[in-house]
């Protein structure tokens, strides 16, 4: 949620508000543009991939641990978001670019940054 919104996990004001509470309220309003990090140039993102990323993040913070996805499922879902974004930028359909794994990999064991293939 921090990556999607560009906001800290705990938003300090008169009350400390967890980002999931804020996102949940924004989802209820249905305006994804007001949720996404405003530093994105010209709101340059695909609405469908943004909604999918928000949906994934919301399932990750489910109160019931049994409703939370596995990290493998999170990776799969976020790769779909990336594929949608890349397809939108190229003007392709999503089905033509479903395999985003060829774009980059993340070395999770060492914590290094993404590297181009």
PDB file of N, CA and C in Angstrom:
ATOM      1  N   UNK A   1       0.815  -1.187   0.000  1.00  0.00           N
ATOM      2  CA  UNK A   1       0.000   0.000   0.000  1.00  0.00           C
ATOM      3  C   UNK A   1       0.859   1.251   0.000  1.00  0.00           C
ATOM      4  N   UNK A   2       1.997   1.171   0.699  1.00  0.00           N
ATOM      5  CA  UNK A   2       2.894   2.328   0.712  1.00  0.00           C
ATOM      6  C   UNK A   2       3.413   2.628  -0.692  1.00  0.00           C
ATOM      7  N   UNK A   3       3.723   1.584  -1.445  1.00  0.00           N
ATOM      8  CA  UNK A   3       4.227   1.780  -2.804  1.00  0.00           C
ATOM      9  C   UNK A   3       3.156   2.343  -3.729  1.00  0.00           C
ATOM     10  N   UNK A   4       1.943   1.892  -3.578  1.00  0.00           N
ATOM     11  CA  UNK A   4       0.855   2.345  -4.440  1.00  0.00           C
ATOM     12  C   UNK A   4       0.497   3.799  -4.148  1.00  0.00           C
ATOM     13  N   UNK A   5       0.416   4.129  -2.868  1.00  0.00           N
ATOM     14  CA  UNK A   5      -0.079   5.447  -2.474  1.00  0.00           C
ATOM     15  C   UNK A   5       1.003   6.503  -2.285  1.00  0.00           C
ATOM     16  N   UNK A   6       2.213   6.068  -2.006  1.00  0.00           N
ATOM     17  CA  UNK A   6       3.279   7.017  -1.697  1.00  0.00           C
ATOM     18  C   UNK A   6       3.132   7.601  -0.294  1.00  0.00           C
ATOM     19  N   UNK A   7       2.347   6.939   0.536  1.00  0.00           N
ATOM     20  CA  UNK A   7       2.103   7.402   1.904  1.00  0.00           C
ATOM     21  C   UNK A   7       2.755   6.454   2.898  1.00  0.00           C
ATOM     22  N   UNK A   8       3.031   6.946   4.113  1.00  0.00           N
ATOM     23  CA  UNK A   8       3.618   6.066   5.137  1.00  0.00           C
ATOM     24  C   UNK A   8       2.580   5.076   5.677  1.00  0.00           C
ATOM     25  N   UNK A   9       3.060   4.002   6.291  1.00  0.00           N
ATOM     26  CA  UNK A   9       2.171   2.976   6.836  1.00  0.00           C
ATOM     27  C   UNK A   9       1.270   3.536   7.932  1.00  0.00           C
ATOM     28  N   UNK A  10       1.805   4.417   8.748  1.00  0.00           N
ATOM     29  CA  UNK A  10       1.018   5.075   9.788  1.00  0.00           C
ATOM     30  C   UNK A  10       1.008   6.564   9.458  1.00  0.00           C
ATOM     31  N   UNK A  11      -0.189   7.080   9.207  1.00  0.00           N
ATOM     32  CA  UNK A  11      -0.333   8.495   8.898  1.00  0.00           C
ATOM     33  C   UNK A  11      -0.634   9.226  10.197  1.00  0.00           C
ATOM     34  N   UNK A  12       0.278  10.092  10.549  1.00  0.00           N
ATOM     35  CA  UNK A  12       0.171  10.810  11.817  1.00  0.00           C
ATOM     36  C   UNK A  12      -0.650  12.087  11.634  1.00  0.00           C
ATOM     37  N   UNK A  13      -1.657  12.211  12.456  1.00  0.00           N
ATOM     38  CA  UNK A  13      -2.478  13.420  12.519  1.00  0.00           C
ATOM     39  C   UNK A  13      -2.990  13.490  13.955  1.00  0.00           C
ATOM     40  N   UNK A  14      -4.176  13.992  14.166  1.00  0.00           N
ATOM     41  CA  UNK A  14      -4.714  13.974  15.527  1.00  0.00           C
ATOM     42  C   UNK A  14      -4.886  12.534  15.993  1.00  0.00           C
ATOM     43  N   UNK A  15      -5.153  11.640  15.052  1.00  0.00           N
ATOM     44  CA  UNK A  15      -5.207  10.202  15.327  1.00  0.00           C
ATOM     45  C   UNK A  15      -4.187   9.528  14.415  1.00  0.00           C
ATOM     46  N   UNK A  16      -3.600   8.461  14.886  1.00  0.00           N
ATOM     47  CA  UNK A  16      -2.734   7.677  14.015  1.00  0.00           C
ATOM     48  C   UNK A  16      -3.618   6.754  13.191  1.00  0.00           C
ATOM     49  N   UNK A  17      -3.527   6.882  11.872  1.00  0.00           N
ATOM     50  CA  UNK A  17      -4.364   6.085  10.980  1.00  0.00           C
ATOM     51  C   UNK A  17      -3.467   5.164  10.179  1.00  0.00           C
ATOM     52  N   UNK A  18      -3.767   3.872  10.222  1.00  0.00           N
ATOM     53  CA  UNK A  18      -3.012   2.908   9.429  1.00  0.00           C
ATOM     54  C   UNK A  18      -3.415   3.063   7.967  1.00  0.00           C
ATOM     55  N   UNK A  19      -2.468   2.919   7.094  1.00  0.00           N
ATOM     56  CA  UNK A  19      -2.708   3.104   5.665  1.00  0.00           C
ATOM     57  C   UNK A  19      -3.836   2.208   5.141  1.00  0.00           C
ATOM     58  N   UNK A  20      -3.983   1.011   5.715  1.00  0.00           N
ATOM     59  CA  UNK A  20      -5.045   0.113   5.241  1.00  0.00           C
ATOM     60  C   UNK A  20      -6.426   0.696   5.533  1.00  0.00           C
ATOM     61  N   UNK A  21      -6.560   1.418   6.636  1.00  0.00           N
ATOM     62  CA  UNK A  21      -7.841   2.063   6.947  1.00  0.00           C
ATOM     63  C   UNK A  21      -8.126   3.161   5.924  1.00  0.00           C
ATOM     64  N   UNK A  22      -7.104   3.945   5.620  1.00  0.00           N
ATOM     65  CA  UNK A  22      -7.265   5.029   4.646  1.00  0.00           C
ATOM     66  C   UNK A  22      -7.598   4.463   3.261  1.00  0.00           C
ATOM     67  N   UNK A  23      -6.868   3.429   2.837  1.00  0.00           N
ATOM     68  CA  UNK A  23      -7.120   2.822   1.528  1.00  0.00           C
ATOM     69  C   UNK A  23      -8.532   2.237   1.485  1.00  0.00           C
ATOM     70  N   UNK A  24      -8.936   1.582   2.559  1.00  0.00           N
ATOM     71  CA  UNK A  24     -10.275   1.005   2.614  1.00  0.00           C
ATOM     72  C   UNK A  24     -11.346   2.087   2.418  1.00  0.00           C
ATOM     73  N   UNK A  25     -11.167   3.226   3.039  1.00  0.00           N
ATOM     74  CA  UNK A  25     -12.090   4.345   2.876  1.00  0.00           C
ATOM     75  C   UNK A  25     -12.084   4.847   1.436  1.00  0.00           C
ATOM     76  N   UNK A  26     -10.900   4.952   0.845  1.00  0.00           N
ATOM     77  CA  UNK A  26     -10.790   5.433  -0.528  1.00  0.00           C
ATOM     78  C   UNK A  26     -11.403   4.435  -1.512  1.00  0.00           C
ATOM     79  N   UNK A  27     -11.243   3.150  -1.249  1.00  0.00           N
ATOM     80  CA  UNK A  27     -11.841   2.126  -2.112  1.00  0.00           C
ATOM     81  C   UNK A  27     -13.366   2.272  -2.091  1.00  0.00           C
ATOM     82  N   UNK A  28     -13.902   2.550  -0.919  1.00  0.00           N
ATOM     83  CA  UNK A  28     -15.354   2.725  -0.794  1.00  0.00           C
ATOM     84  C   UNK A  28     -15.848   3.889  -1.658  1.00  0.00           C
ATOM     85  N   UNK A  29     -15.005   4.904  -1.842  1.00  0.00           N
ATOM     86  CA  UNK A  29     -15.364   6.040  -2.693  1.00  0.00           C
ATOM     87  C   UNK A  29     -15.183   5.707  -4.181  1.00  0.00           C
ATOM     88  N   UNK A  30     -14.384   4.684  -4.472  1.00  0.00           N
ATOM     89  CA  UNK A  30     -14.212   4.223  -5.847  1.00  0.00           C
ATOM     90  C   UNK A  30     -13.346   5.088  -6.740  1.00  0.00           C
ATOM     91  N   UNK A  31     -12.549   5.977  -6.152  1.00  0.00           N
ATOM     92  CA  UNK A  31     -11.706   6.855  -6.959  1.00  0.00           C
ATOM     93  C   UNK A  31     -10.250   6.453  -6.829  1.00  0.00           C
ATOM     94  N   UNK A  32      -9.796   5.621  -7.741  1.00  0.00           N
ATOM     95  CA  UNK A  32      -8.423   5.110  -7.682  1.00  0.00           C
ATOM     96  C   UNK A  32      -7.402   6.216  -7.885  1.00  0.00           C
ATOM     97  N   UNK A  33      -7.728   7.189  -8.700  1.00  0.00           N
ATOM     98  CA  UNK A  33      -6.770   8.270  -8.986  1.00  0.00           C
ATOM     99  C   UNK A  33      -6.364   9.037  -7.734  1.00  0.00           C
ATOM    100  N   UNK A  34      -7.270   9.176  -6.788  1.00  0.00           N
ATOM    101  CA  UNK A  34      -6.930   9.903  -5.564  1.00  0.00           C
ATOM    102  C   UNK A  34      -6.127   9.042  -4.591  1.00  0.00           C
ATOM    103  N   UNK A  35      -6.054   7.738  -4.846  1.00  0.00           N
ATOM    104  CA  UNK A  35      -5.286   6.827  -4.001  1.00  0.00           C
ATOM    105  C   UNK A  35      -3.843   6.682  -4.451  1.00  0.00           C
ATOM    106  N   UNK A  36      -3.639   6.693  -5.752  1.00  0.00           N
ATOM    107  CA  UNK A  36      -2.320   6.410  -6.316  1.00  0.00           C
ATOM    108  C   UNK A  36      -1.370   7.580  -6.068  1.00  0.00           C
ATOM    109  N   UNK A  37      -0.117   7.254  -5.842  1.00  0.00           N
ATOM    110  CA  UNK A  37       0.926   8.238  -5.566  1.00  0.00           C
ATOM    111  C   UNK A  37       0.837   9.408  -6.551  1.00  0.00           C
ATOM    112  N   UNK A  38       0.610  10.614  -6.069  1.00  0.00           N
ATOM    113  CA  UNK A  38       0.465  11.770  -6.954  1.00  0.00           C
ATOM    114  C   UNK A  38       1.757  12.157  -7.664  1.00  0.00           C
ATOM    115  N   UNK A  39       2.871  11.561  -7.266  1.00  0.00           N
ATOM    116  CA  UNK A  39       4.138  11.880  -7.926  1.00  0.00           C
ATOM    117  C   UNK A  39       4.293  11.195  -9.277  1.00  0.00           C
ATOM    118  N   UNK A  40       3.355  10.293  -9.612  1.00  0.00           N
ATOM    119  CA  UNK A  40       3.396   9.696 -10.941  1.00  0.00           C
ATOM    120  C   UNK A  40       3.136  10.799 -11.962  1.00  0.00           C
ATOM    121  N   UNK A  41       3.977  10.909 -12.974  1.00  0.00           N
ATOM    122  CA  UNK A  41       3.791  11.986 -13.945  1.00  0.00           C
ATOM    123  C   UNK A  41       2.451  11.886 -14.669  1.00  0.00           C
ATOM    124  N   UNK A  42       1.667  12.925 -14.585  1.00  0.00           N
ATOM    125  CA  UNK A  42       0.376  13.026 -15.282  1.00  0.00           C
ATOM    126  C   UNK A  42      -0.564  11.864 -14.980  1.00  0.00           C
ATOM    127  N   UNK A  43      -0.458  11.274 -13.815  1.00  0.00           N
ATOM    128  CA  UNK A  43      -1.323  10.137 -13.491  1.00  0.00           C
ATOM    129  C   UNK A  43      -1.154   9.014 -14.485  1.00  0.00           C
ATOM    130  N   UNK A  44       0.086   8.807 -14.921  1.00  0.00           N
ATOM    131  CA  UNK A  44       0.392   7.861 -15.987  1.00  0.00           C
ATOM    132  C   UNK A  44       0.413   6.426 -15.470  1.00  0.00           C
ATOM    133  N   UNK A  45      -0.785   5.820 -15.383  1.00  0.00           N
ATOM    134  CA  UNK A  45      -0.888   4.426 -14.974  1.00  0.00           C
ATOM    135  C   UNK A  45      -2.180   3.863 -15.521  1.00  0.00           C
ATOM    136  N   UNK A  46      -2.215   2.560 -15.644  1.00  0.00           N
ATOM    137  CA  UNK A  46      -3.403   1.868 -16.123  1.00  0.00           C
ATOM    138  C   UNK A  46      -4.353   1.663 -14.943  1.00  0.00           C
ATOM    139  N   UNK A  47      -5.593   2.104 -15.095  1.00  0.00           N
ATOM    140  CA  UNK A  47      -6.566   1.997 -14.007  1.00  0.00           C
ATOM    141  C   UNK A  47      -6.786   0.560 -13.557  1.00  0.00           C
ATOM    142  N   UNK A  48      -6.831  -0.369 -14.514  1.00  0.00           N
ATOM    143  CA  UNK A  48      -7.068  -1.777 -14.157  1.00  0.00           C
ATOM    144  C   UNK A  48      -5.923  -2.344 -13.331  1.00  0.00           C
ATOM    145  N   UNK A  49      -4.686  -2.031 -13.703  1.00  0.00           N
ATOM    146  CA  UNK A  49      -3.564  -2.569 -12.934  1.00  0.00           C
ATOM    147  C   UNK A  49      -3.495  -1.915 -11.559  1.00  0.00           C
ATOM    148  N   UNK A  50      -3.863  -0.644 -11.471  1.00  0.00           N
ATOM    149  CA  UNK A  50      -3.878   0.030 -10.166  1.00  0.00           C
ATOM    150  C   UNK A  50      -4.921  -0.603  -9.252  1.00  0.00           C
ATOM    151  N   UNK A  51      -6.117  -0.853  -9.782  1.00  0.00           N
ATOM    152  CA  UNK A  51      -7.153  -1.507  -8.970  1.00  0.00           C
ATOM    153  C   UNK A  51      -6.701  -2.892  -8.531  1.00  0.00           C
ATOM    154  N   UNK A  52      -6.064  -3.630  -9.439  1.00  0.00           N
ATOM    155  CA  UNK A  52      -5.591  -4.979  -9.104  1.00  0.00           C
ATOM    156  C   UNK A  52      -4.542  -4.912  -7.988  1.00  0.00           C
ATOM    157  N   UNK A  53      -3.618  -3.950  -8.083  1.00  0.00           N
ATOM    158  CA  UNK A  53      -2.583  -3.810  -7.056  1.00  0.00           C
ATOM    159  C   UNK A  53      -3.204  -3.456  -5.707  1.00  0.00           C
ATOM    160  N   UNK A  54      -4.207  -2.591  -5.710  1.00  0.00           N
ATOM    161  CA  UNK A  54      -4.904  -2.240  -4.470  1.00  0.00           C
ATOM    162  C   UNK A  54      -5.618  -3.462  -3.913  1.00  0.00           C
ATOM    163  N   UNK A  55      -6.260  -4.207  -4.786  1.00  0.00           N
ATOM    164  CA  UNK A  55      -6.962  -5.428  -4.350  1.00  0.00           C
ATOM    165  C   UNK A  55      -5.986  -6.416  -3.706  1.00  0.00           C
ATOM    166  N   UNK A  56      -4.840  -6.602  -4.332  1.00  0.00           N
ATOM    167  CA  UNK A  56      -3.825  -7.508  -3.782  1.00  0.00           C
ATOM    168  C   UNK A  56      -3.367  -7.010  -2.417  1.00  0.00           C
ATOM    169  N   UNK A  57      -3.102  -5.719  -2.320  1.00  0.00           N
ATOM    170  CA  UNK A  57      -2.622  -5.172  -1.046  1.00  0.00           C
ATOM    171  C   UNK A  57      -3.673  -5.307   0.055  1.00  0.00           C
ATOM    172  N   UNK A  58      -4.939  -5.145  -0.305  1.00  0.00           N
ATOM    173  CA  UNK A  58      -6.002  -5.279   0.693  1.00  0.00           C
ATOM    174  C   UNK A  58      -6.126  -6.725   1.195  1.00  0.00           C
ATOM    175  N   UNK A  59      -5.940  -7.689   0.308  1.00  0.00           N
ATOM    176  CA  UNK A  59      -6.008  -9.081   0.767  1.00  0.00           C
ATOM    177  C   UNK A  59      -4.827  -9.422   1.672  1.00  0.00           C
ATOM    178  N   UNK A  60      -3.706  -8.759   1.457  1.00  0.00           N
ATOM    179  CA  UNK A  60      -2.519  -9.023   2.281  1.00  0.00           C
ATOM    180  C   UNK A  60      -2.687  -8.570   3.724  1.00  0.00           C
ATOM    181  N   UNK A  61      -3.581  -7.622   3.964  1.00  0.00           N
ATOM    182  CA  UNK A  61      -3.782  -7.123   5.322  1.00  0.00           C
ATOM    183  C   UNK A  61      -5.109  -7.593   5.916  1.00  0.00           C
ATOM    184  N   UNK A  62      -5.671  -8.635   5.345  1.00  0.00           N
ATOM    185  CA  UNK A  62      -6.926  -9.185   5.856  1.00  0.00           C
ATOM    186  C   UNK A  62      -6.770  -9.537   7.335  1.00  0.00           C
ATOM    187  N   UNK A  63      -7.792  -9.232   8.117  1.00  0.00           N
ATOM    188  CA  UNK A  63      -7.745  -9.544   9.547  1.00  0.00           C
ATOM    189  C   UNK A  63      -7.623 -11.035   9.792  1.00  0.00           C
ATOM    190  N   UNK A  64      -8.232 -11.831   8.930  1.00  0.00           N
ATOM    191  CA  UNK A  64      -8.155 -13.283   9.057  1.00  0.00           C
ATOM    192  C   UNK A  64      -6.959 -13.785   8.249  1.00  0.00           C
ATOM    193  N   UNK A  65      -5.948 -14.306   8.916  1.00  0.00           N
ATOM    194  CA  UNK A  65      -4.750 -14.771   8.210  1.00  0.00           C
ATOM    195  C   UNK A  65      -5.038 -15.817   7.134  1.00  0.00           C
ATOM    196  N   UNK A  66      -6.103 -16.578   7.299  1.00  0.00           N
ATOM    197  CA  UNK A  66      -6.443 -17.600   6.313  1.00  0.00           C
ATOM    198  C   UNK A  66      -6.894 -16.985   4.988  1.00  0.00           C
ATOM    199  N   UNK A  67      -7.318 -15.725   5.015  1.00  0.00           N
ATOM    200  CA  UNK A  67      -7.756 -15.033   3.802  1.00  0.00           C
ATOM    201  C   UNK A  67      -6.620 -14.331   3.069  1.00  0.00           C
ATOM    202  N   UNK A  68      -5.442 -14.315   3.682  1.00  0.00           N
ATOM    203  CA  UNK A  68      -4.296 -13.651   3.062  1.00  0.00           C
ATOM    204  C   UNK A  68      -3.662 -14.568   2.016  1.00  0.00           C
ATOM    205  N   UNK A  69      -3.220 -13.994   0.900  1.00  0.00           N
ATOM    206  CA  UNK A  69      -2.587 -14.819  -0.139  1.00  0.00           C
ATOM    207  C   UNK A  69      -1.170 -15.221   0.264  1.00  0.00           C
ATOM    208  N   UNK A  70      -0.690 -16.254  -0.377  1.00  0.00           N
ATOM    209  CA  UNK A  70       0.711 -16.634  -0.184  1.00  0.00           C
ATOM    210  C   UNK A  70       1.578 -15.618  -0.925  1.00  0.00           C
ATOM    211  N   UNK A  71       2.837 -15.544  -0.573  1.00  0.00           N
ATOM    212  CA  UNK A  71       3.735 -14.626  -1.268  1.00  0.00           C
ATOM    213  C   UNK A  71       3.852 -15.006  -2.741  1.00  0.00           C
ATOM    214  N   UNK A  72       3.779 -16.286  -3.042  1.00  0.00           N
ATOM    215  CA  UNK A  72       3.820 -16.719  -4.445  1.00  0.00           C
ATOM    216  C   UNK A  72       2.641 -16.148  -5.221  1.00  0.00           C
ATOM    217  N   UNK A  73       1.458 -16.159  -4.593  1.00  0.00           N
ATOM    218  CA  UNK A  73       0.277 -15.606  -5.256  1.00  0.00           C
ATOM    219  C   UNK A  73       0.402 -14.091  -5.418  1.00  0.00           C
ATOM    220  N   UNK A  74       0.963 -13.433  -4.411  1.00  0.00           N
ATOM    221  CA  UNK A  74       1.173 -11.980  -4.502  1.00  0.00           C
ATOM    222  C   UNK A  74       2.085 -11.664  -5.681  1.00  0.00           C
ATOM    223  N   UNK A  75       3.168 -12.423  -5.826  1.00  0.00           N
ATOM    224  CA  UNK A  75       4.095 -12.206  -6.936  1.00  0.00           C
ATOM    225  C   UNK A  75       3.389 -12.405  -8.279  1.00  0.00           C
ATOM    226  N   UNK A  76       2.614 -13.456  -8.388  1.00  0.00           N
ATOM    227  CA  UNK A  76       1.868 -13.729  -9.628  1.00  0.00           C
ATOM    228  C   UNK A  76       0.935 -12.565  -9.943  1.00  0.00           C
ATOM    229  N   UNK A  77       0.186 -12.121  -8.940  1.00  0.00           N
ATOM    230  CA  UNK A  77      -0.770 -11.028  -9.144  1.00  0.00           C
ATOM    231  C   UNK A  77      -0.065  -9.722  -9.522  1.00  0.00           C
ATOM    232  N   UNK A  78       1.054  -9.429  -8.869  1.00  0.00           N
ATOM    233  CA  UNK A  78       1.771  -8.194  -9.190  1.00  0.00           C
ATOM    234  C   UNK A  78       2.430  -8.262 -10.574  1.00  0.00           C
ATOM    235  N   UNK A  79       2.828  -9.458 -10.983  1.00  0.00           N
ATOM    236  CA  UNK A  79       3.345  -9.611 -12.343  1.00  0.00           C
ATOM    237  C   UNK A  79       2.251  -9.327 -13.368  1.00  0.00           C
ATOM    238  N   UNK A  80       1.018  -9.726 -13.051  1.00  0.00           N
ATOM    239  CA  UNK A  80      -0.110  -9.421 -13.932  1.00  0.00           C
ATOM    240  C   UNK A  80      -0.318  -7.907 -14.019  1.00  0.00           C
ATOM    241  N   UNK A  81      -0.193  -7.230 -12.883  1.00  0.00           N
ATOM    242  CA  UNK A  81      -0.308  -5.762 -12.876  1.00  0.00           C
ATOM    243  C   UNK A  81       0.769  -5.143 -13.761  1.00  0.00           C
ATOM    244  N   UNK A  82       1.984  -5.634 -13.623  1.00  0.00           N
ATOM    245  CA  UNK A  82       3.089  -5.127 -14.432  1.00  0.00           C
ATOM    246  C   UNK A  82       2.852  -5.384 -15.912  1.00  0.00           C
ATOM    247  N   UNK A  83       2.375  -6.565 -16.240  1.00  0.00           N
ATOM    248  CA  UNK A  83       2.102  -6.895 -17.642  1.00  0.00           C
ATOM    249  C   UNK A  83       1.034  -5.969 -18.211  1.00  0.00           C
ATOM    250  N   UNK A  84       0.010  -5.672 -17.421  1.00  0.00           N
ATOM    251  CA  UNK A  84      -1.042  -4.761 -17.866  1.00  0.00           C
ATOM    252  C   UNK A  84      -0.477  -3.371 -18.110  1.00  0.00           C
ATOM    253  N   UNK A  85       0.366  -2.904 -17.203  1.00  0.00           N
ATOM    254  CA  UNK A  85       0.996  -1.583 -17.358  1.00  0.00           C
ATOM    255  C   UNK A  85       1.847  -1.523 -18.617  1.00  0.00           C
ATOM    256  N   UNK A  86       2.669  -2.538 -18.800  1.00  0.00           N
ATOM    257  CA  UNK A  86       3.563  -2.550 -19.956  1.00  0.00           C
ATOM    258  C   UNK A  86       2.790  -2.649 -21.257  1.00  0.00           C
ATOM    259  N   UNK A  87       1.738  -3.443 -21.262  1.00  0.00           N
ATOM    260  CA  UNK A  87       0.907  -3.577 -22.461  1.00  0.00           C
ATOM    261  C   UNK A  87       0.236  -2.250 -22.788  1.00  0.00           C
ATOM    262  N   UNK A  88      -0.228  -1.553 -21.766  1.00  0.00           N
ATOM    263  CA  UNK A  88      -0.879  -0.268 -21.969  1.00  0.00           C
ATOM    264  C   UNK A  88       0.105   0.742 -22.566  1.00  0.00           C
ATOM    265  N   UNK A  89       1.324   0.725 -22.099  1.00  0.00           N
ATOM    266  CA  UNK A  89       2.342   1.651 -22.606  1.00  0.00           C
ATOM    267  C   UNK A  89       2.711   1.349 -24.055  1.00  0.00           C
ATOM    268  N   UNK A  90       2.673   0.069 -24.412  1.00  0.00           N
ATOM    269  CA  UNK A  90       3.001  -0.323 -25.782  1.00  0.00           C
ATOM    270  C   UNK A  90       1.788  -0.303 -26.685  1.00  0.00           C
ATOM    271  N   UNK A  91       0.597  -0.225 -26.084  1.00  0.00           N
ATOM    272  CA  UNK A  91      -0.625  -0.249 -26.875  1.00  0.00           C
ATOM    273  C   UNK A  91      -1.056  -1.649 -27.241  1.00  0.00           C
ATOM    274  N   UNK A  92      -0.501  -2.662 -26.553  1.00  0.00           N
ATOM    275  CA  UNK A  92      -0.867  -4.061 -26.806  1.00  0.00           C
ATOM    276  C   UNK A  92      -2.079  -4.425 -25.969  1.00  0.00           C
ATOM    277  N   UNK A  93      -2.622  -5.590 -26.259  1.00  0.00           N
ATOM    278  CA  UNK A  93      -3.627  -6.127 -25.348  1.00  0.00           C
ATOM    279  C   UNK A  93      -2.891  -6.856 -24.239  1.00  0.00           C
ATOM    280  N   UNK A  94      -3.529  -6.999 -23.089  1.00  0.00           N
ATOM    281  CA  UNK A  94      -2.898  -7.634 -21.935  1.00  0.00           C
ATOM    282  C   UNK A  94      -2.516  -9.067 -22.231  1.00  0.00           C
ATOM    283  N   UNK A  95      -3.321  -9.765 -23.008  1.00  0.00           N
ATOM    284  CA  UNK A  95      -3.049 -11.174 -23.257  1.00  0.00           C
ATOM    285  C   UNK A  95      -1.757 -11.366 -24.042  1.00  0.00           C
ATOM    286  N   UNK A  96      -1.343 -10.344 -24.799  1.00  0.00           N
ATOM    287  CA  UNK A  96      -0.120 -10.486 -25.576  1.00  0.00           C
ATOM    288  C   UNK A  96       1.129 -10.358 -24.724  1.00  0.00           C
ATOM    289  N   UNK A  97       1.010  -9.795 -23.517  1.00  0.00           N
ATOM    290  CA  UNK A  97       2.201  -9.579 -22.700  1.00  0.00           C
ATOM    291  C   UNK A  97       2.025 -10.157 -21.309  1.00  0.00           C
ATOM    292  N   UNK A  98       1.412 -11.312 -21.216  1.00  0.00           N
ATOM    293  CA  UNK A  98       1.135 -11.896 -19.918  1.00  0.00           C
ATOM    294  C   UNK A  98       2.375 -12.362 -19.174  1.00  0.00           C
ATOM    295  N   UNK A  99       3.479 -12.578 -19.872  1.00  0.00           N
ATOM    296  CA  UNK A  99       4.669 -13.061 -19.186  1.00  0.00           C
ATOM    297  C   UNK A  99       5.614 -11.906 -18.909  1.00  0.00           C
ATOM    298  N   UNK A 100       5.466 -11.297 -17.751  1.00  0.00           N
ATOM    299  CA  UNK A 100       6.332 -10.183 -17.385  1.00  0.00           C
ATOM    300  C   UNK A 100       7.638 -10.684 -16.781  1.00  0.00           C
ATOM    301  N   UNK A 101       7.774 -11.985 -16.585  1.00  0.00           N
ATOM    302  CA  UNK A 101       8.986 -12.492 -15.957  1.00  0.00           C
ATOM    303  C   UNK A 101      10.213 -12.253 -16.820  1.00  0.00           C
ATOM    304  N   UNK A 102      10.019 -12.042 -18.116  1.00  0.00           N
ATOM    305  CA  UNK A 102      11.170 -11.774 -18.964  1.00  0.00           C
ATOM    306  C   UNK A 102      11.644 -10.334 -18.832  1.00  0.00           C
ATOM    307  N   UNK A 103      10.880  -9.481 -18.161  1.00  0.00           N
ATOM    308  CA  UNK A 103      11.235  -8.091 -18.047  1.00  0.00           C
ATOM    309  C   UNK A 103      12.272  -7.872 -16.960  1.00  0.00           C
ATOM    310  N   UNK A 104      12.029  -8.375 -15.772  1.00  0.00           N
ATOM    311  CA  UNK A 104      13.014  -8.260 -14.716  1.00  0.00           C
ATOM    312  C   UNK A 104      12.820  -9.364 -13.697  1.00  0.00           C
ATOM    313  N   UNK A 105      13.856  -9.554 -12.894  1.00  0.00           N
ATOM    314  CA  UNK A 105      13.760 -10.508 -11.805  1.00  0.00           C
ATOM    315  C   UNK A 105      14.232  -9.805 -10.537  1.00  0.00           C
ATOM    316  N   UNK A 106      13.784 -10.288  -9.418  1.00  0.00           N
ATOM    317  CA  UNK A 106      14.219  -9.750  -8.142  1.00  0.00           C
ATOM    318  C   UNK A 106      14.876 -10.889  -7.386  1.00  0.00           C
ATOM    319  N   UNK A 107      16.086 -10.648  -6.934  1.00  0.00           N
ATOM    320  CA  UNK A 107      16.798 -11.649  -6.164  1.00  0.00           C
ATOM    321  C   UNK A 107      16.343 -11.513  -4.715  1.00  0.00           C
ATOM    322  N   UNK A 108      15.386 -12.347  -4.301  1.00  0.00           N
ATOM    323  CA  UNK A 108      14.782 -12.235  -2.992  1.00  0.00           C
ATOM    324  C   UNK A 108      15.717 -12.730  -1.898  1.00  0.00           C
ATOM    325  N   UNK A 109      16.567 -13.659  -2.201  1.00  0.00           N
ATOM    326  CA  UNK A 109      17.416 -14.229  -1.165  1.00  0.00           C
ATOM    327  C   UNK A 109      18.489 -13.253  -0.700  1.00  0.00           C
ATOM    328  N   UNK A 110      18.988 -12.407  -1.600  1.00  0.00           N
ATOM    329  CA  UNK A 110      20.028 -11.477  -1.192  1.00  0.00           C
ATOM    330  C   UNK A 110      19.499 -10.068  -0.977  1.00  0.00           C
ATOM    331  N   UNK A 111      18.269  -9.814  -1.434  1.00  0.00           N
ATOM    332  CA  UNK A 111      17.694  -8.493  -1.251  1.00  0.00           C
ATOM    333  C   UNK A 111      18.238  -7.461  -2.220  1.00  0.00           C
ATOM    334  N   UNK A 112      18.844  -7.910  -3.316  1.00  0.00           N
ATOM    335  CA  UNK A 112      19.374  -6.951  -4.271  1.00  0.00           C
ATOM    336  C   UNK A 112      18.277  -6.358  -5.118  1.00  0.00           C
ATOM    337  N   UNK A 113      18.585  -5.311  -5.808  1.00  0.00           N
ATOM    338  CA  UNK A 113      17.621  -4.595  -6.636  1.00  0.00           C
ATOM    339  C   UNK A 113      17.274  -5.387  -7.873  1.00  0.00           C
ATOM    340  N   UNK A 114      16.148  -4.992  -8.528  1.00  0.00           N
ATOM    341  CA  UNK A 114      15.796  -5.645  -9.789  1.00  0.00           C
ATOM    342  C   UNK A 114      16.919  -5.482 -10.804  1.00  0.00           C
ATOM    343  N   UNK A 115      17.087  -6.496 -11.615  1.00  0.00           N
ATOM    344  CA  UNK A 115      18.110  -6.421 -12.654  1.00  0.00           C
ATOM    345  C   UNK A 115      17.490  -6.795 -13.988  1.00  0.00           C
ATOM    346  N   UNK A 116      17.928  -6.115 -15.029  1.00  0.00           N
ATOM    347  CA  UNK A 116      17.395  -6.407 -16.364  1.00  0.00           C
ATOM    348  C   UNK A 116      17.931  -7.747 -16.826  1.00  0.00           C
ATOM    349  N   UNK A 117      17.110  -8.441 -17.572  1.00  0.00           N
ATOM    350  CA  UNK A 117      17.560  -9.730 -18.135  1.00  0.00           C
ATOM    351  C   UNK A 117      18.153  -9.515 -19.482  1.00  0.00           C
TER     352      UNK A 117
END
